[in-house]
Amino acid sequence: MNTIELDAPDGALEAILARPTGDGPWPGVVVLHDGVGFGPDIRSNVEMLADYGYLTIAPNLFANGRVRCIRAVMRSLIFTGASPAIREILAARDRLVADPGCTGKTAVIGFCMGGGFALLTAPMGFDAAAPFYPGLYGDYRAQLEGACPVVASYAQLDPSLLGAGRKLDRVLTDLDVEHDIKTYPGTMHGFANVFGIDPVLRVAGLGYDAEATRDAWRRIFAFFDKHLTDTPASGSE
């Protein structure tokens, strides 16, 4: 796993790139961090995806200043128009596709804020999208018209996203988009993320759940095997 400089229309930014061992080509996956930022948790997920057999990149959407970028990315989620964050995500995808080690098939995974962006970019040329507890504003139907297949995971005890999984399921069904939406009973927002302050997060209604996380990733890998590969992706040796 290497730190690289990713060229994007609004300026270069930091990204991490992980390549499976062995001979490619491999499908590509773009991983989008949450509002906490670009830390060890996102790096472990990048490494896991590469071990499974995916050429994986994670752009740092806060690379040009965290406070300014939080404001900008939230505007992007609300207004959903062209924005630096969207352009950076697509630049990360293009970086994978241009790699000789990539098959050209790509997916996007995101957590919380990143999950919202995974949904927003699902109609923008990806072959699959896997958002964790994504927030999306405005008209779901208009935003998701033409979306790629979606596998999404929600937390039952997430007060900010009550009913969001059911809403997404209805819209994708109406749009005839293949999807797998699951809301995990007894879980809280952030159940698939590990942070050093997890006990504090639990008090705030957040927290890691190992069983739900394992099942969510099982569903994602099965979904990706179907939509990104002709045969199941093999892990690195």
Foldseek 3Di string as FASTA:
>chain_A
DDWDWFDFPVGIFIKDKDAFPDAAQFAAEEEEEALVWDDPQSVVVRVVVNQQTHGYMYTGQCRPHSVVSVVQLVVCQAVVDDGRSLRRSVSRLVVQCPDPSHPNAYEYEYAASSLSSSQQCQQVRHQEYEYEQYDHYDDSLVSNQNGHEYEYEAECQEVVQHCVQVVNVVSCVVNVHHYHGDYDYPAFRAQQTDDPPQVVVVVVGHHHDVVSNVVSVVVVQVVCCVRPHPHRRHGHD
